[in-house]
Amino acid sequence: MQGKIFPESNARDLGKEKRLTQVIYALQAASFLVGVTYFVAAVINYVKWPDVSGTWLETHFRWQIKTFWYSILWGIVGGLTLFLFIGYVILTANTIWIVYRVVIGWIALSEDRPVS
C-alpha cells in the first residue's frame, strides 16, 4: 500500500486502534501455545474493522485476516495430506509463513507504517 494516502489517520489519534492491532498480533503469536487465540484474533479483526477503515492500520487488519484465512487453508491441505510426506512439508511451511507474517506485520506496526 505504499503511496496510498490515509487522510483520516492524520485527523485523529489512532493510539487505541494501534494497541488493538498489537493485541491481535500477540494473539496470533500466542496461538502457537493456545490455538483458540488465533480464532479470537480473527473475530476481533472483523468486529473492529470499521474502527480502522480508511487509516493505515487497515492494511494491518487486511494482512492479519489474509494470514488467518490462508493459513487455515494450508493447514487443512497439510492435515489432509499428512499420510503422505508432503503434508508435513506443507504444515512446516505454513508455520514458517505464519511466523513471518506476524513478525513482518508487527515490525511495520511498531514503525508506524502500513504493511504491504
C-alpha atoms as a PDB file:
ATOM      1  CA  MET A   1       0.000   0.000   0.000  1.00  0.00           C
ATOM      2  CA  GLN A   2       2.905   2.315  -0.417  1.00  0.00           C
ATOM      3  CA  GLY A   3       1.874   5.571  -1.944  1.00  0.00           C
ATOM      4  CA  LYS A   4      -1.713   5.370  -0.695  1.00  0.00           C
ATOM      5  CA  ILE A   5      -2.755   8.342   1.373  1.00  0.00           C
ATOM      6  CA  PHE A   6      -4.761   7.814   4.529  1.00  0.00           C
ATOM      7  CA  PRO A   7      -6.195  11.268   5.355  1.00  0.00           C
ATOM      8  CA  GLU A   8      -8.262  10.117   8.320  1.00  0.00           C
ATOM      9  CA  SER A   9      -5.188   8.717  10.055  1.00  0.00           C
ATOM     10  CA  ASN A  10      -3.798  12.263  10.333  1.00  0.00           C
ATOM     11  CA  ALA A  11      -7.101  13.708  11.506  1.00  0.00           C
ATOM     12  CA  ARG A  12      -7.425  11.633  14.681  1.00  0.00           C
ATOM     13  CA  ASP A  13      -5.395   9.829  17.275  1.00  0.00           C
ATOM     14  CA  LEU A  14      -5.044   6.129  16.430  1.00  0.00           C
ATOM     15  CA  GLY A  15      -3.369   5.097  19.685  1.00  0.00           C
ATOM     16  CA  LYS A  16      -6.247   2.884  20.806  1.00  0.00           C
ATOM     17  CA  GLU A  17      -6.544   1.214  17.412  1.00  0.00           C
ATOM     18  CA  LYS A  18      -2.783   0.688  17.215  1.00  0.00           C
ATOM     19  CA  ARG A  19      -2.788  -1.020  20.632  1.00  0.00           C
ATOM     20  CA  LEU A  20      -5.638  -3.245  19.446  1.00  0.00           C
ATOM     21  CA  THR A  21      -3.640  -4.166  16.349  1.00  0.00           C
ATOM     22  CA  GLN A  22      -0.700  -5.085  18.618  1.00  0.00           C
ATOM     23  CA  VAL A  23      -3.018  -7.261  20.680  1.00  0.00           C
ATOM     24  CA  ILE A  24      -4.163  -9.048  17.536  1.00  0.00           C
ATOM     25  CA  TYR A  25      -0.566  -9.770  16.507  1.00  0.00           C
ATOM     26  CA  ALA A  26       0.076 -11.017  20.050  1.00  0.00           C
ATOM     27  CA  LEU A  27      -2.974 -13.291  19.866  1.00  0.00           C
ATOM     28  CA  GLN A  28      -1.780 -14.668  16.551  1.00  0.00           C
ATOM     29  CA  ALA A  29       1.653 -15.355  18.037  1.00  0.00           C
ATOM     30  CA  ALA A  30       0.146 -16.873  21.188  1.00  0.00           C
ATOM     31  CA  SER A  31      -1.824 -19.302  19.054  1.00  0.00           C
ATOM     32  CA  PHE A  32       1.270 -21.491  18.816  1.00  0.00           C
ATOM     33  CA  LEU A  33       0.723 -22.216  22.524  1.00  0.00           C
ATOM     34  CA  VAL A  34      -3.055 -21.708  22.812  1.00  0.00           C
ATOM     35  CA  GLY A  35      -4.686 -22.362  19.447  1.00  0.00           C
ATOM     36  CA  VAL A  36      -8.006 -20.695  20.193  1.00  0.00           C
ATOM     37  CA  THR A  37      -6.367 -17.252  20.293  1.00  0.00           C
ATOM     38  CA  TYR A  38      -5.936 -17.446  16.521  1.00  0.00           C
ATOM     39  CA  PHE A  39      -9.704 -17.520  16.070  1.00  0.00           C
ATOM     40  CA  VAL A  40     -10.228 -14.811  18.692  1.00  0.00           C
ATOM     41  CA  ALA A  41      -7.815 -12.583  16.749  1.00  0.00           C
ATOM     42  CA  ALA A  42      -9.765 -13.126  13.519  1.00  0.00           C
ATOM     43  CA  VAL A  43     -13.075 -12.303  15.205  1.00  0.00           C
ATOM     44  CA  ILE A  44     -11.610  -9.088  16.632  1.00  0.00           C
ATOM     45  CA  ASN A  45     -10.306  -8.192  13.149  1.00  0.00           C
ATOM     46  CA  TYR A  46     -13.767  -8.460  11.643  1.00  0.00           C
ATOM     47  CA  VAL A  47     -15.589  -6.757  14.518  1.00  0.00           C
ATOM     48  CA  LYS A  48     -13.168  -3.822  14.762  1.00  0.00           C
ATOM     49  CA  TRP A  49     -12.577  -3.371  11.022  1.00  0.00           C
ATOM     50  CA  PRO A  50     -14.839  -0.260  10.852  1.00  0.00           C
ATOM     51  CA  ASP A  51     -12.684   1.445  13.504  1.00  0.00           C
ATOM     52  CA  VAL A  52      -9.588   1.343  11.270  1.00  0.00           C
ATOM     53  CA  SER A  53     -11.252   1.675   7.873  1.00  0.00           C
ATOM     54  CA  GLY A  54      -9.558   4.374   5.816  1.00  0.00           C
ATOM     55  CA  THR A  55      -6.455   4.513   8.013  1.00  0.00           C
ATOM     56  CA  TRP A  56      -3.007   2.993   7.600  1.00  0.00           C
ATOM     57  CA  LEU A  57      -3.995   0.435  10.224  1.00  0.00           C
ATOM     58  CA  GLU A  58      -6.493  -1.017   7.771  1.00  0.00           C
ATOM     59  CA  THR A  59      -3.539  -2.527   5.896  1.00  0.00           C
ATOM     60  CA  HIS A  60      -2.593  -4.404   9.058  1.00  0.00           C
ATOM     61  CA  PHE A  61      -6.102  -5.725   9.515  1.00  0.00           C
ATOM     62  CA  ARG A  62      -6.130  -6.946   5.906  1.00  0.00           C
ATOM     63  CA  TRP A  63      -2.698  -8.525   6.442  1.00  0.00           C
ATOM     64  CA  GLN A  64      -3.874 -10.275   9.606  1.00  0.00           C
ATOM     65  CA  ILE A  65      -7.077 -11.546   8.019  1.00  0.00           C
ATOM     66  CA  LYS A  66      -5.239 -12.856   4.951  1.00  0.00           C
ATOM     67  CA  THR A  67      -2.735 -14.533   7.231  1.00  0.00           C
ATOM     68  CA  PHE A  68      -5.582 -16.219   9.087  1.00  0.00           C
ATOM     69  CA  TRP A  69      -7.514 -17.492   6.072  1.00  0.00           C
ATOM     70  CA  TYR A  70      -4.545 -18.656   4.001  1.00  0.00           C
ATOM     71  CA  SER A  71      -3.020 -20.414   6.996  1.00  0.00           C
ATOM     72  CA  ILE A  72      -6.326 -22.166   7.683  1.00  0.00           C
ATOM     73  CA  LEU A  73      -6.498 -23.246   4.033  1.00  0.00           C
ATOM     74  CA  TRP A  74      -2.925 -24.596   4.024  1.00  0.00           C
ATOM     75  CA  GLY A  75      -3.435 -26.150   7.446  1.00  0.00           C
ATOM     76  CA  ILE A  76      -6.379 -28.121   6.094  1.00  0.00           C
ATOM     77  CA  VAL A  77      -4.465 -29.137   2.964  1.00  0.00           C
ATOM     78  CA  GLY A  78      -1.497 -30.157   5.100  1.00  0.00           C
ATOM     79  CA  GLY A  79      -3.701 -32.054   7.510  1.00  0.00           C
ATOM     80  CA  LEU A  80      -5.437 -33.928   4.724  1.00  0.00           C
ATOM     81  CA  THR A  81      -2.112 -34.954   3.201  1.00  0.00           C
ATOM     82  CA  LEU A  82      -0.374 -35.936   6.439  1.00  0.00           C
ATOM     83  CA  PHE A  83      -0.449 -39.587   5.448  1.00  0.00           C
ATOM     84  CA  LEU A  84       1.848 -38.509   2.630  1.00  0.00           C
ATOM     85  CA  PHE A  85       5.191 -36.901   3.346  1.00  0.00           C
ATOM     86  CA  ILE A  86       4.017 -33.725   1.617  1.00  0.00           C
ATOM     87  CA  GLY A  87       1.607 -32.957   4.465  1.00  0.00           C
ATOM     88  CA  TYR A  88       4.479 -32.454   6.881  1.00  0.00           C
ATOM     89  CA  VAL A  89       6.230 -30.184   4.405  1.00  0.00           C
ATOM     90  CA  ILE A  90       3.062 -28.122   3.898  1.00  0.00           C
ATOM     91  CA  LEU A  91       2.425 -27.782   7.635  1.00  0.00           C
ATOM     92  CA  THR A  92       6.035 -26.808   8.308  1.00  0.00           C
ATOM     93  CA  ALA A  93       5.997 -24.226   5.509  1.00  0.00           C
ATOM     94  CA  ASN A  94       2.662 -22.912   6.791  1.00  0.00           C
ATOM     95  CA  THR A  95       4.063 -22.472  10.298  1.00  0.00           C
ATOM     96  CA  ILE A  96       7.117 -20.622   8.997  1.00  0.00           C
ATOM     97  CA  TRP A  97       4.871 -18.442   6.840  1.00  0.00           C
ATOM     98  CA  ILE A  98       2.636 -17.526   9.804  1.00  0.00           C
ATOM     99  CA  VAL A  99       5.663 -16.574  11.916  1.00  0.00           C
ATOM    100  CA  TYR A 100       6.998 -14.492   9.020  1.00  0.00           C
ATOM    101  CA  ARG A 101       3.672 -12.668   8.586  1.00  0.00           C
ATOM    102  CA  VAL A 102       3.295 -11.914  12.292  1.00  0.00           C
ATOM    103  CA  VAL A 103       6.884 -10.663  12.612  1.00  0.00           C
ATOM    104  CA  ILE A 104       6.824  -8.512   9.449  1.00  0.00           C
ATOM    105  CA  GLY A 105       3.445  -7.050  10.359  1.00  0.00           C
ATOM    106  CA  TRP A 106       4.409  -6.334  13.959  1.00  0.00           C
ATOM    107  CA  ILE A 107       7.653  -4.647  12.878  1.00  0.00           C
ATOM    108  CA  ALA A 108       5.787  -2.433  10.399  1.00  0.00           C
ATOM    109  CA  LEU A 109       3.265  -1.566  13.107  1.00  0.00           C
ATOM    110  CA  SER A 110       5.996  -0.657  15.581  1.00  0.00           C
ATOM    111  CA  GLU A 111       7.427   1.688  12.940  1.00  0.00           C
ATOM    112  CA  ASP A 112       4.010   3.327  12.418  1.00  0.00           C
ATOM    113  CA  ARG A 113       3.810   2.341   8.783  1.00  0.00           C
ATOM    114  CA  PRO A 114       1.360   0.332   6.670  1.00  0.00           C
ATOM    115  CA  VAL A 115       2.184  -3.241   5.829  1.00  0.00           C
ATOM    116  CA  SER A 116       2.043  -4.436   2.249  1.00  0.00           C
END
